């Protein structure tokens, strides 16, 4: 019997294929200057998503004037079919990630599903 999720009227949580299809459409509409790469990681990438899972995104841009925390505010994440969180790195930050955060960089390298791979 279907169960409601998160006290909403949803009877079914979108699966990985449905979320990836919506994400690809979202990318095509996305107006983010200097966008070089975009992928997703976490439970959707590992195939472990379920009701309530959010979509973890990583985006790489050529450069940015805004601090990392503010870059996410430019993204219309509410247009995606599930809650989403995003990390937006400049290319320089991305390239320095293995030195500054080696464990996290390793996780991203192992499980990110790239829809537009990094240069």
Protein backbone atom coordinates (compact mmCIF):
# COMPACT_ATOMS: atom_id res chain seq x y z
CA UNK A 1 0.00 0.00 0.00
CA UNK A 2 1.44 3.42 -0.92
CA UNK A 3 2.47 5.57 2.00
CA UNK A 4 2.64 9.31 2.15
CA UNK A 5 6.14 10.72 2.39
CA UNK A 6 7.20 13.63 4.59
CA UNK A 7 3.61 14.64 5.37
CA UNK A 8 3.00 15.62 1.73
CA UNK A 9 0.54 14.38 -0.83
CA UNK A 10 3.28 12.36 -2.55
CA UNK A 11 2.49 8.70 -2.85
CA UNK A 12 5.74 7.81 -4.56
CA UNK A 13 9.26 9.24 -4.32
CA UNK A 14 10.99 9.74 -7.70
CA UNK A 15 13.63 7.15 -8.55
CA UNK A 16 17.13 7.72 -9.87
CA UNK A 17 16.21 7.55 -13.57
CA UNK A 18 13.36 10.01 -13.15
CA UNK A 19 15.51 12.40 -11.12
CA UNK A 20 18.40 12.19 -13.60
CA UNK A 21 16.05 12.92 -16.52
CA UNK A 22 14.66 15.97 -14.70
CA UNK A 23 18.20 17.05 -13.81
CA UNK A 24 19.28 16.92 -17.46
CA UNK A 25 16.30 19.09 -18.43
CA UNK A 26 17.15 21.47 -15.58
CA UNK A 27 20.75 21.76 -16.80
CA UNK A 28 19.54 22.66 -20.29
CA UNK A 29 17.52 25.55 -18.82
CA UNK A 30 20.21 26.61 -16.34
CA UNK A 31 21.74 30.00 -16.97
CA UNK A 32 24.96 29.95 -15.00
CA UNK A 33 27.84 31.86 -16.59
CA UNK A 34 31.03 29.86 -16.97
CA UNK A 35 29.49 26.48 -16.12
CA UNK A 36 32.06 23.82 -16.97
CA UNK A 37 30.79 20.68 -15.26
CA UNK A 38 27.88 19.28 -13.29
CA UNK A 39 27.29 15.96 -11.60
CA UNK A 40 25.53 14.36 -8.67
CA UNK A 41 26.84 12.28 -5.81
CA UNK A 42 25.48 10.78 -2.62
CA UNK A 43 22.55 8.41 -2.30
CA UNK A 44 21.22 8.96 -5.84
CA UNK A 45 24.65 8.30 -7.36
CA UNK A 46 25.15 5.18 -5.23
CA UNK A 47 21.68 3.86 -6.08
CA UNK A 48 20.65 4.02 -2.42
CA UNK A 49 18.02 6.76 -2.59
CA UNK A 50 14.64 6.33 -1.01
CA UNK A 51 11.74 8.39 0.27
CA UNK A 52 13.08 11.67 1.61
CA UNK A 53 16.47 11.42 -0.13
CA UNK A 54 17.88 14.68 -1.39
CA UNK A 55 19.94 15.22 -4.52
CA UNK A 56 23.56 16.25 -3.92
CA UNK A 57 24.99 18.26 -6.80
CA UNK A 58 28.49 19.43 -7.61
CA UNK A 59 29.01 22.19 -10.16
CA UNK A 60 32.27 23.61 -11.46
CA UNK A 61 32.41 27.11 -12.92
CA UNK A 62 35.30 28.85 -14.62
CA UNK A 63 35.43 31.60 -12.01
CA UNK A 64 33.19 33.37 -9.53
CA UNK A 65 33.23 36.64 -7.64
CA UNK A 66 30.82 35.51 -4.94
CA UNK A 67 31.92 33.34 -2.02
CA UNK A 68 31.12 29.63 -2.26
CA UNK A 69 28.11 29.82 0.08
CA UNK A 70 26.51 32.59 -2.00
CA UNK A 71 26.97 30.88 -5.37
CA UNK A 72 24.31 28.32 -4.51
CA UNK A 73 21.75 31.08 -4.09
CA UNK A 74 21.88 31.67 -7.87
CA UNK A 75 20.62 28.15 -8.58
CA UNK A 76 16.89 27.44 -9.00
CA UNK A 77 17.09 24.19 -7.01
CA UNK A 78 13.37 24.38 -6.26
CA UNK A 79 12.73 23.40 -9.89
CA UNK A 80 14.10 19.90 -9.29
CA UNK A 81 11.69 17.06 -8.39
CA UNK A 82 13.36 16.35 -5.03
CA UNK A 83 15.07 18.55 -2.43
CA UNK A 84 18.59 19.37 -3.59
CA UNK A 85 21.82 20.70 -2.16
CA UNK A 86 24.64 22.00 -4.32
CA UNK A 87 28.32 22.75 -4.07
CA UNK A 88 29.63 25.26 -6.59
CA UNK A 89 33.40 25.28 -7.04
CA UNK A 90 35.54 27.43 -9.29
CA UNK A 91 37.93 25.46 -11.47
CA UNK A 92 40.84 26.55 -9.26
CA UNK A 93 39.00 25.43 -6.10
CA UNK A 94 38.13 22.12 -7.74
CA UNK A 95 41.73 21.50 -8.73
CA UNK A 96 42.93 22.25 -5.19
CA UNK A 97 40.30 20.06 -3.51
CA UNK A 98 42.53 16.94 -3.31
CA UNK A 99 45.01 18.93 -1.20
CA UNK A 100 42.55 20.92 0.89
CA UNK A 101 39.97 18.16 1.52
CA UNK A 102 41.52 14.85 0.40
CA UNK A 103 38.87 12.52 1.87
CA UNK A 104 35.99 14.47 0.36
CA UNK A 105 37.81 14.76 -2.98
CA UNK A 106 38.26 10.97 -2.98
CA UNK A 107 34.55 10.44 -2.28
CA UNK A 108 33.60 12.77 -5.13
CA UNK A 109 36.06 11.06 -7.48
CA UNK A 110 34.63 7.63 -6.65
CA UNK A 111 30.92 8.28 -6.75
CA UNK A 112 30.06 11.37 -8.78
CA UNK A 113 27.89 10.69 -11.82
CA UNK A 114 28.91 13.41 -14.26
CA UNK A 115 26.29 14.73 -16.68
CA UNK A 116 28.80 17.26 -17.94
CA UNK A 117 32.28 16.05 -16.90
CA UNK A 118 35.01 18.39 -15.66
CA UNK A 119 37.66 19.59 -18.10
